[in-house]
Amino acid sequence: MGRAFEFRKNRKMKRWSAMAKAFTRIGKDIVMAVKEGGPNPESNSRLRAVIQNAKSANMPKDNVERAIKKATDKDTANYKEVLFEGYAPHGIAILIETATDNNNRTVANIRSYFNKCNGSLGTQGSVEFMFDHICNFRIAKADLDVEELELELIDFGVEEVFLDEDGIMIYAPFESFGAIQKELESRGFDILSSGFERIPQVTKELSAEQVADVEKLLEKIEEDDDVQNVYHTMTETAE
């Protein structure tokens, strides 16, 4: 198994555990997808992917339809995706993905979290290079040879395919998302969820006391309503 497998195993169920928070994040994804490509999932591949994720998170269909309808309202704020980079205590790099309708507010909040927890907010490009930006798909388990499937999808950019308890996971570079989504759909695979992640190239192991310092900052960041995802270079262990 490769890095993507280990990354997924160790992070599983550690973040996004609060259902309401997950629904809020998916709702923002829906708004951004509709604003970008329209409300019809048949012609909007990004919206199709978000709806799949909503189903995977058990988000009620009414909530999804309401979010799509809200996004078509010209008075609905348009969210902007903004990336923040910085360092937690003990040299741990942190990468933060946000979706905000008020960048000044988000910048002020993120900076305050770093300052209060002895971290430092960095400049653009200061830590992003330490993470590989990848896409992932989870398809339903079927009578498939995982190794054969991986070979068949290599031409579309796929780098890793493995089986876990939730289905068959497919990982590839960020830029391969569209080609892979199109190929999986053309083959009639049941795509359960899809998305993007940033896998740290190198991680750092800390003592229990140092981990607590970093976790204090991570918790503050993750509680912010504008934050979608948080990635870091601290070694994590499965719980």
C-alpha atoms as a PDB file:
ATOM      1  CA  MET A   1       0.000   0.000   0.000  1.00  0.00           C
ATOM      2  CA  GLY A   2       1.166   3.543  -0.753  1.00  0.00           C
ATOM      3  CA  ARG A   3       1.120   6.899   0.985  1.00  0.00           C
ATOM      4  CA  ALA A   4      -2.468   7.652   0.026  1.00  0.00           C
ATOM      5  CA  PHE A   5      -3.661   4.488   1.777  1.00  0.00           C
ATOM      6  CA  GLU A   6      -1.743   5.288   4.971  1.00  0.00           C
ATOM      7  CA  PHE A   7      -2.867   8.920   4.897  1.00  0.00           C
ATOM      8  CA  ARG A   8      -6.518   7.946   4.571  1.00  0.00           C
ATOM      9  CA  LYS A   9      -6.303   5.260   7.258  1.00  0.00           C
ATOM     10  CA  ASN A  10      -4.708   7.577   9.808  1.00  0.00           C
ATOM     11  CA  ARG A  11      -6.963  10.567   9.199  1.00  0.00           C
ATOM     12  CA  LYS A  12     -10.194   8.611   9.047  1.00  0.00           C
ATOM     13  CA  MET A  13     -12.844   9.828  11.477  1.00  0.00           C
ATOM     14  CA  LYS A  14     -10.429  12.316  13.075  1.00  0.00           C
ATOM     15  CA  ARG A  15     -11.889  15.353  11.328  1.00  0.00           C
ATOM     16  CA  TRP A  16     -15.362  16.306  10.105  1.00  0.00           C
ATOM     17  CA  SER A  17     -16.953  14.267  12.872  1.00  0.00           C
ATOM     18  CA  ALA A  18     -19.658  16.851  13.551  1.00  0.00           C
ATOM     19  CA  MET A  19     -22.570  16.262  11.171  1.00  0.00           C
ATOM     20  CA  ALA A  20     -23.786  19.874  11.191  1.00  0.00           C
ATOM     21  CA  LYS A  21     -20.303  21.148  10.319  1.00  0.00           C
ATOM     22  CA  ALA A  22     -20.014  18.666   7.465  1.00  0.00           C
ATOM     23  CA  PHE A  23     -23.377  19.766   6.048  1.00  0.00           C
ATOM     24  CA  THR A  24     -22.301  23.414   6.223  1.00  0.00           C
ATOM     25  CA  ARG A  25     -19.124  22.647   4.292  1.00  0.00           C
ATOM     26  CA  ILE A  26     -20.966  20.639   1.654  1.00  0.00           C
ATOM     27  CA  GLY A  27     -23.519  23.437   1.363  1.00  0.00           C
ATOM     28  CA  LYS A  28     -20.737  25.885   0.528  1.00  0.00           C
ATOM     29  CA  ASP A  29     -19.341  23.430  -2.026  1.00  0.00           C
ATOM     30  CA  ILE A  30     -22.780  23.284  -3.660  1.00  0.00           C
ATOM     31  CA  VAL A  31     -23.016  27.073  -3.848  1.00  0.00           C
ATOM     32  CA  MET A  32     -19.557  27.358  -5.428  1.00  0.00           C
ATOM     33  CA  ALA A  33     -20.304  24.564  -7.900  1.00  0.00           C
ATOM     34  CA  VAL A  34     -23.622  26.108  -8.992  1.00  0.00           C
ATOM     35  CA  LYS A  35     -22.155  29.605  -9.308  1.00  0.00           C
ATOM     36  CA  GLU A  36     -19.376  28.154 -11.456  1.00  0.00           C
ATOM     37  CA  GLY A  37     -21.281  25.772 -13.730  1.00  0.00           C
ATOM     38  CA  GLY A  38     -25.025  26.157 -13.229  1.00  0.00           C
ATOM     39  CA  PRO A  39     -27.663  24.204 -11.265  1.00  0.00           C
ATOM     40  CA  ASN A  40     -27.977  21.195 -13.592  1.00  0.00           C
ATOM     41  CA  PRO A  41     -25.771  18.318 -12.364  1.00  0.00           C
ATOM     42  CA  GLU A  42     -26.028  16.622 -15.776  1.00  0.00           C
ATOM     43  CA  SER A  43     -23.969  19.403 -17.334  1.00  0.00           C
ATOM     44  CA  ASN A  44     -22.018  20.428 -14.213  1.00  0.00           C
ATOM     45  CA  SER A  45     -19.464  17.770 -13.297  1.00  0.00           C
ATOM     46  CA  ARG A  46     -18.338  19.619 -10.170  1.00  0.00           C
ATOM     47  CA  LEU A  47     -21.916  19.753  -8.877  1.00  0.00           C
ATOM     48  CA  ARG A  48     -22.363  16.035  -9.621  1.00  0.00           C
ATOM     49  CA  ALA A  49     -19.315  15.302  -7.483  1.00  0.00           C
ATOM     50  CA  VAL A  50     -20.572  17.434  -4.582  1.00  0.00           C
ATOM     51  CA  ILE A  51     -23.999  15.779  -4.671  1.00  0.00           C
ATOM     52  CA  GLN A  52     -22.280  12.383  -4.488  1.00  0.00           C
ATOM     53  CA  ASN A  53     -20.391  13.576  -1.419  1.00  0.00           C
ATOM     54  CA  ALA A  54     -23.609  14.861   0.138  1.00  0.00           C
ATOM     55  CA  LYS A  55     -25.171  11.423  -0.259  1.00  0.00           C
ATOM     56  CA  SER A  56     -22.069   9.799   1.234  1.00  0.00           C
ATOM     57  CA  ALA A  57     -22.361  12.096   4.272  1.00  0.00           C
ATOM     58  CA  ASN A  58     -26.079  11.215   4.612  1.00  0.00           C
ATOM     59  CA  MET A  59     -27.101  14.792   3.899  1.00  0.00           C
ATOM     60  CA  PRO A  60     -30.887  14.844   3.340  1.00  0.00           C
ATOM     61  CA  LYS A  61     -32.002  15.290  -0.260  1.00  0.00           C
ATOM     62  CA  ASP A  62     -34.120  18.298   0.775  1.00  0.00           C
ATOM     63  CA  ASN A  63     -30.998  20.009   2.121  1.00  0.00           C
ATOM     64  CA  VAL A  64     -29.187  19.448  -1.166  1.00  0.00           C
ATOM     65  CA  GLU A  65     -32.072  20.766  -3.259  1.00  0.00           C
ATOM     66  CA  ARG A  66     -32.460  23.755  -0.954  1.00  0.00           C
ATOM     67  CA  ALA A  67     -28.746  24.581  -1.272  1.00  0.00           C
ATOM     68  CA  ILE A  68     -28.921  24.374  -5.089  1.00  0.00           C
ATOM     69  CA  LYS A  69     -31.966  26.633  -5.152  1.00  0.00           C
ATOM     70  CA  LYS A  70     -30.311  29.098  -2.781  1.00  0.00           C
ATOM     71  CA  ALA A  71     -27.194  29.200  -4.950  1.00  0.00           C
ATOM     72  CA  THR A  72     -29.222  30.292  -7.997  1.00  0.00           C
ATOM     73  CA  ASP A  73     -30.477  33.364  -6.108  1.00  0.00           C
ATOM     74  CA  LYS A  74     -28.542  36.382  -7.340  1.00  0.00           C
ATOM     75  CA  ASP A  75     -28.510  37.776  -3.801  1.00  0.00           C
ATOM     76  CA  THR A  76     -26.708  34.726  -2.409  1.00  0.00           C
ATOM     77  CA  ALA A  77     -23.106  35.498  -1.542  1.00  0.00           C
ATOM     78  CA  ASN A  78     -20.491  33.882  -3.719  1.00  0.00           C
ATOM     79  CA  TYR A  79     -17.802  32.082  -1.773  1.00  0.00           C
ATOM     80  CA  LYS A  80     -14.165  32.447  -2.732  1.00  0.00           C
ATOM     81  CA  GLU A  81     -11.681  29.656  -2.145  1.00  0.00           C
ATOM     82  CA  VAL A  82      -8.652  30.992  -0.256  1.00  0.00           C
ATOM     83  CA  LEU A  83      -5.595  29.039   0.875  1.00  0.00           C
ATOM     84  CA  PHE A  84      -3.730  29.940   4.083  1.00  0.00           C
ATOM     85  CA  GLU A  85      -0.279  28.684   5.036  1.00  0.00           C
ATOM     86  CA  GLY A  86       1.670  28.811   8.251  1.00  0.00           C
ATOM     87  CA  TYR A  87       3.499  27.055  11.032  1.00  0.00           C
ATOM     88  CA  ALA A  88       2.239  25.626  14.294  1.00  0.00           C
ATOM     89  CA  PRO A  89       4.576  25.270  17.278  1.00  0.00           C
ATOM     90  CA  HIS A  90       7.464  22.785  16.936  1.00  0.00           C
ATOM     91  CA  GLY A  91       7.923  23.409  13.212  1.00  0.00           C
ATOM     92  CA  ILE A  92       4.703  21.785  11.995  1.00  0.00           C
ATOM     93  CA  ALA A  93       3.546  23.166   8.643  1.00  0.00           C
ATOM     94  CA  ILE A  94      -0.187  23.839   8.290  1.00  0.00           C
ATOM     95  CA  LEU A  95      -2.203  24.302   5.102  1.00  0.00           C
ATOM     96  CA  ILE A  96      -5.761  25.630   5.413  1.00  0.00           C
ATOM     97  CA  GLU A  97      -8.437  25.580   2.720  1.00  0.00           C
ATOM     98  CA  THR A  98     -11.236  28.093   3.255  1.00  0.00           C
ATOM     99  CA  ALA A  99     -14.412  29.146   1.470  1.00  0.00           C
ATOM    100  CA  THR A 100     -15.286  32.695   2.423  1.00  0.00           C
ATOM    101  CA  ASP A 101     -17.582  35.544   1.442  1.00  0.00           C
ATOM    102  CA  ASN A 102     -15.516  38.000   3.520  1.00  0.00           C
ATOM    103  CA  ASN A 103     -11.784  37.586   3.082  1.00  0.00           C
ATOM    104  CA  ASN A 104     -10.883  40.314   5.583  1.00  0.00           C
ATOM    105  CA  ARG A 105     -12.793  38.498   8.316  1.00  0.00           C
ATOM    106  CA  THR A 106     -11.225  35.166   7.469  1.00  0.00           C
ATOM    107  CA  VAL A 107      -7.680  36.556   7.367  1.00  0.00           C
ATOM    108  CA  ALA A 108      -8.145  38.250  10.736  1.00  0.00           C
ATOM    109  CA  ASN A 109      -9.555  35.115  12.326  1.00  0.00           C
ATOM    110  CA  ILE A 110      -6.885  32.758  10.984  1.00  0.00           C
ATOM    111  CA  ARG A 111      -4.095  35.137  12.022  1.00  0.00           C
ATOM    112  CA  SER A 112      -5.521  35.389  15.540  1.00  0.00           C
ATOM    113  CA  TYR A 113      -5.549  31.589  15.943  1.00  0.00           C
ATOM    114  CA  PHE A 114      -1.866  31.354  15.001  1.00  0.00           C
ATOM    115  CA  ASN A 115      -0.944  34.250  17.294  1.00  0.00           C
ATOM    116  CA  LYS A 116      -2.819  32.848  20.293  1.00  0.00           C
ATOM    117  CA  CYS A 117      -1.240  29.405  19.919  1.00  0.00           C
ATOM    118  CA  ASN A 118       2.383  30.462  19.346  1.00  0.00           C
ATOM    119  CA  GLY A 119       2.240  29.775  15.633  1.00  0.00           C
ATOM    120  CA  SER A 120       2.922  32.038  12.679  1.00  0.00           C
ATOM    121  CA  LEU A 121       0.817  32.755   9.600  1.00  0.00           C
ATOM    122  CA  GLY A 122       3.029  32.493   6.528  1.00  0.00           C
ATOM    123  CA  THR A 123       3.017  34.005   3.076  1.00  0.00           C
ATOM    124  CA  GLN A 124       1.677  32.421  -0.104  1.00  0.00           C
ATOM    125  CA  GLY A 125       3.812  29.466  -1.141  1.00  0.00           C
ATOM    126  CA  SER A 126       5.598  29.142   2.189  1.00  0.00           C
ATOM    127  CA  VAL A 127       4.399  25.588   2.926  1.00  0.00           C
ATOM    128  CA  GLU A 128       2.144  24.534   0.030  1.00  0.00           C
ATOM    129  CA  PHE A 129       5.088  22.895  -1.736  1.00  0.00           C
ATOM    130  CA  MET A 130       5.382  20.434   1.168  1.00  0.00           C
ATOM    131  CA  PHE A 131       2.078  18.785   0.225  1.00  0.00           C
ATOM    132  CA  ASP A 132       1.041  16.775  -2.827  1.00  0.00           C
ATOM    133  CA  HIS A 133      -2.338  17.971  -4.129  1.00  0.00           C
ATOM    134  CA  ILE A 134      -4.303  14.896  -5.135  1.00  0.00           C
ATOM    135  CA  CYS A 135      -7.809  13.850  -6.104  1.00  0.00           C
ATOM    136  CA  ASN A 136      -9.651  10.790  -4.917  1.00  0.00           C
ATOM    137  CA  PHE A 137     -12.694   8.721  -5.827  1.00  0.00           C
ATOM    138  CA  ARG A 138     -14.501   6.080  -3.841  1.00  0.00           C
ATOM    139  CA  ILE A 139     -16.506   3.615  -5.924  1.00  0.00           C
ATOM    140  CA  ALA A 140     -18.793   0.845  -4.740  1.00  0.00           C
ATOM    141  CA  LYS A 141     -17.290  -2.563  -4.111  1.00  0.00           C
ATOM    142  CA  ALA A 142     -17.936  -4.915  -6.988  1.00  0.00           C
ATOM    143  CA  ASP A 143     -16.529  -8.071  -8.477  1.00  0.00           C
ATOM    144  CA  LEU A 144     -13.430  -6.234  -9.630  1.00  0.00           C
ATOM    145  CA  ASP A 145      -9.751  -7.091  -9.674  1.00  0.00           C
ATOM    146  CA  VAL A 146      -8.254  -4.030  -7.971  1.00  0.00           C
ATOM    147  CA  GLU A 147      -4.822  -4.513  -9.536  1.00  0.00           C
ATOM    148  CA  GLU A 148      -6.352  -4.908 -12.997  1.00  0.00           C
ATOM    149  CA  LEU A 149      -8.468  -1.790 -12.482  1.00  0.00           C
ATOM    150  CA  GLU A 150      -5.367   0.167 -11.504  1.00  0.00           C
ATOM    151  CA  LEU A 151      -3.613  -0.903 -14.705  1.00  0.00           C
ATOM    152  CA  GLU A 152      -6.627   0.059 -16.797  1.00  0.00           C
ATOM    153  CA  LEU A 153      -6.791   3.537 -15.257  1.00  0.00           C
ATOM    154  CA  ILE A 154      -3.086   4.398 -15.362  1.00  0.00           C
ATOM    155  CA  ASP A 155      -3.536   6.129 -18.724  1.00  0.00           C
ATOM    156  CA  PHE A 156      -5.980   8.535 -17.046  1.00  0.00           C
ATOM    157  CA  GLY A 157      -3.475   9.539 -14.358  1.00  0.00           C
ATOM    158  CA  VAL A 158      -4.376   7.085 -11.582  1.00  0.00           C
ATOM    159  CA  GLU A 159      -1.457   6.332  -9.272  1.00  0.00           C
ATOM    160  CA  GLU A 160      -2.991   4.174  -6.549  1.00  0.00           C
ATOM    161  CA  VAL A 161      -6.049   1.913  -6.161  1.00  0.00           C
ATOM    162  CA  PHE A 162      -6.859  -0.032  -3.025  1.00  0.00           C
ATOM    163  CA  LEU A 163      -9.747  -1.708  -1.250  1.00  0.00           C
ATOM    164  CA  ASP A 164     -10.985  -0.594   2.154  1.00  0.00           C
ATOM    165  CA  GLU A 165     -14.108  -1.230   4.185  1.00  0.00           C
ATOM    166  CA  ASP A 166     -15.961   1.655   2.486  1.00  0.00           C
ATOM    167  CA  GLY A 167     -15.293   0.699  -1.110  1.00  0.00           C
ATOM    168  CA  ILE A 168     -12.553   0.931  -3.698  1.00  0.00           C
ATOM    169  CA  MET A 169     -10.365   4.034  -3.329  1.00  0.00           C
ATOM    170  CA  ILE A 170      -8.686   5.648  -6.328  1.00  0.00           C
ATOM    171  CA  TYR A 171      -5.972   8.297  -5.972  1.00  0.00           C
ATOM    172  CA  ALA A 172      -4.374  10.487  -8.636  1.00  0.00           C
ATOM    173  CA  PRO A 173      -2.814  13.944  -9.101  1.00  0.00           C
ATOM    174  CA  PHE A 174      -5.176  16.911  -8.710  1.00  0.00           C
ATOM    175  CA  GLU A 175      -5.189  17.735 -12.431  1.00  0.00           C
ATOM    176  CA  SER A 176      -6.423  14.242 -13.382  1.00  0.00           C
ATOM    177  CA  PHE A 177      -9.802  14.649 -11.662  1.00  0.00           C
ATOM    178  CA  GLY A 178     -11.878  15.492 -14.741  1.00  0.00           C
ATOM    179  CA  ALA A 179     -10.502  12.723 -16.940  1.00  0.00           C
ATOM    180  CA  ILE A 180     -10.947  10.078 -14.243  1.00  0.00           C
ATOM    181  CA  GLN A 181     -14.467  11.198 -13.350  1.00  0.00           C
ATOM    182  CA  LYS A 182     -15.464  11.031 -17.007  1.00  0.00           C
ATOM    183  CA  GLU A 183     -13.942   7.559 -17.443  1.00  0.00           C
ATOM    184  CA  LEU A 184     -15.546   6.124 -14.292  1.00  0.00           C
ATOM    185  CA  GLU A 185     -18.945   7.499 -15.326  1.00  0.00           C
ATOM    186  CA  SER A 186     -18.586   6.142 -18.865  1.00  0.00           C
ATOM    187  CA  ARG A 187     -17.905   2.688 -17.409  1.00  0.00           C
ATOM    188  CA  GLY A 188     -21.007   2.900 -15.268  1.00  0.00           C
ATOM    189  CA  PHE A 189     -19.202   2.700 -11.927  1.00  0.00           C
ATOM    190  CA  ASP A 190     -21.177   3.790  -8.873  1.00  0.00           C
ATOM    191  CA  ILE A 191     -19.124   6.759  -7.606  1.00  0.00           C
ATOM    192  CA  LEU A 192     -19.908   7.071  -3.903  1.00  0.00           C
ATOM    193  CA  SER A 193     -17.774  10.138  -3.248  1.00  0.00           C
ATOM    194  CA  SER A 194     -14.907  12.151  -4.668  1.00  0.00           C
ATOM    195  CA  GLY A 195     -12.774  15.070  -3.678  1.00  0.00           C
ATOM    196  CA  PHE A 196      -9.331  16.509  -3.132  1.00  0.00           C
ATOM    197  CA  GLU A 197      -6.714  16.112  -0.437  1.00  0.00           C
ATOM    198  CA  ARG A 198      -3.230  17.350   0.306  1.00  0.00           C
ATOM    199  CA  ILE A 199      -0.837  14.663   1.483  1.00  0.00           C
ATOM    200  CA  PRO A 200       2.289  15.814   3.328  1.00  0.00           C
ATOM    201  CA  GLN A 201       5.475  14.682   1.623  1.00  0.00           C
ATOM    202  CA  VAL A 202       7.284  14.342   4.960  1.00  0.00           C
ATOM    203  CA  THR A 203       5.833  14.203   8.478  1.00  0.00           C
ATOM    204  CA  LYS A 204       7.386  14.989  11.846  1.00  0.00           C
ATOM    205  CA  GLU A 205       6.880  12.936  14.997  1.00  0.00           C
ATOM    206  CA  LEU A 206       6.306  14.883  18.204  1.00  0.00           C
ATOM    207  CA  SER A 207       6.091  14.093  21.897  1.00  0.00           C
ATOM    208  CA  ALA A 208       2.663  13.887  23.536  1.00  0.00           C
ATOM    209  CA  GLU A 209       3.147  17.339  25.045  1.00  0.00           C
ATOM    210  CA  GLN A 210       4.129  18.833  21.702  1.00  0.00           C
ATOM    211  CA  VAL A 211       1.185  17.141  19.974  1.00  0.00           C
ATOM    212  CA  ALA A 212      -1.135  18.828  22.485  1.00  0.00           C
ATOM    213  CA  ASP A 213       0.319  22.238  21.531  1.00  0.00           C
ATOM    214  CA  VAL A 214      -0.343  21.624  17.836  1.00  0.00           C
ATOM    215  CA  GLU A 215      -3.804  20.142  18.440  1.00  0.00           C
ATOM    216  CA  LYS A 216      -4.804  23.285  20.346  1.00  0.00           C
ATOM    217  CA  LEU A 217      -4.175  25.356  17.218  1.00  0.00           C
ATOM    218  CA  LEU A 218      -5.773  22.810  14.870  1.00  0.00           C
ATOM    219  CA  GLU A 219      -8.961  22.741  16.940  1.00  0.00           C
ATOM    220  CA  LYS A 220      -9.307  26.530  16.854  1.00  0.00           C
ATOM    221  CA  ILE A 221      -8.804  26.586  13.091  1.00  0.00           C
ATOM    222  CA  GLU A 222     -11.218  23.737  12.405  1.00  0.00           C
ATOM    223  CA  GLU A 223     -13.977  25.341  14.464  1.00  0.00           C
ATOM    224  CA  ASP A 224     -14.002  28.382  12.159  1.00  0.00           C
ATOM    225  CA  ASP A 225     -17.035  28.408   9.869  1.00  0.00           C
ATOM    226  CA  ASP A 226     -14.954  29.575   6.892  1.00  0.00           C
ATOM    227  CA  VAL A 227     -12.551  26.629   7.103  1.00  0.00           C
ATOM    228  CA  GLN A 228     -13.173  23.682   4.778  1.00  0.00           C
ATOM    229  CA  ASN A 229     -10.077  21.515   5.326  1.00  0.00           C
ATOM    230  CA  VAL A 230      -6.878  21.577   7.361  1.00  0.00           C
ATOM    231  CA  TYR A 231      -3.698  19.648   6.567  1.00  0.00           C
ATOM    232  CA  HIS A 232      -0.440  19.455   8.495  1.00  0.00           C
ATOM    233  CA  THR A 233       2.912  17.695   8.646  1.00  0.00           C
ATOM    234  CA  MET A 234       2.570  16.201  12.127  1.00  0.00           C
ATOM    235  CA  THR A 235       2.740  12.414  12.190  1.00  0.00           C
ATOM    236  CA  GLU A 236      -0.699  10.992  12.942  1.00  0.00           C
ATOM    237  CA  THR A 237      -1.542   7.572  14.260  1.00  0.00           C
ATOM    238  CA  ALA A 238      -4.787   5.674  13.706  1.00  0.00           C
ATOM    239  CA  GLU A 239      -7.199   5.710  16.601  1.00  0.00           C
END
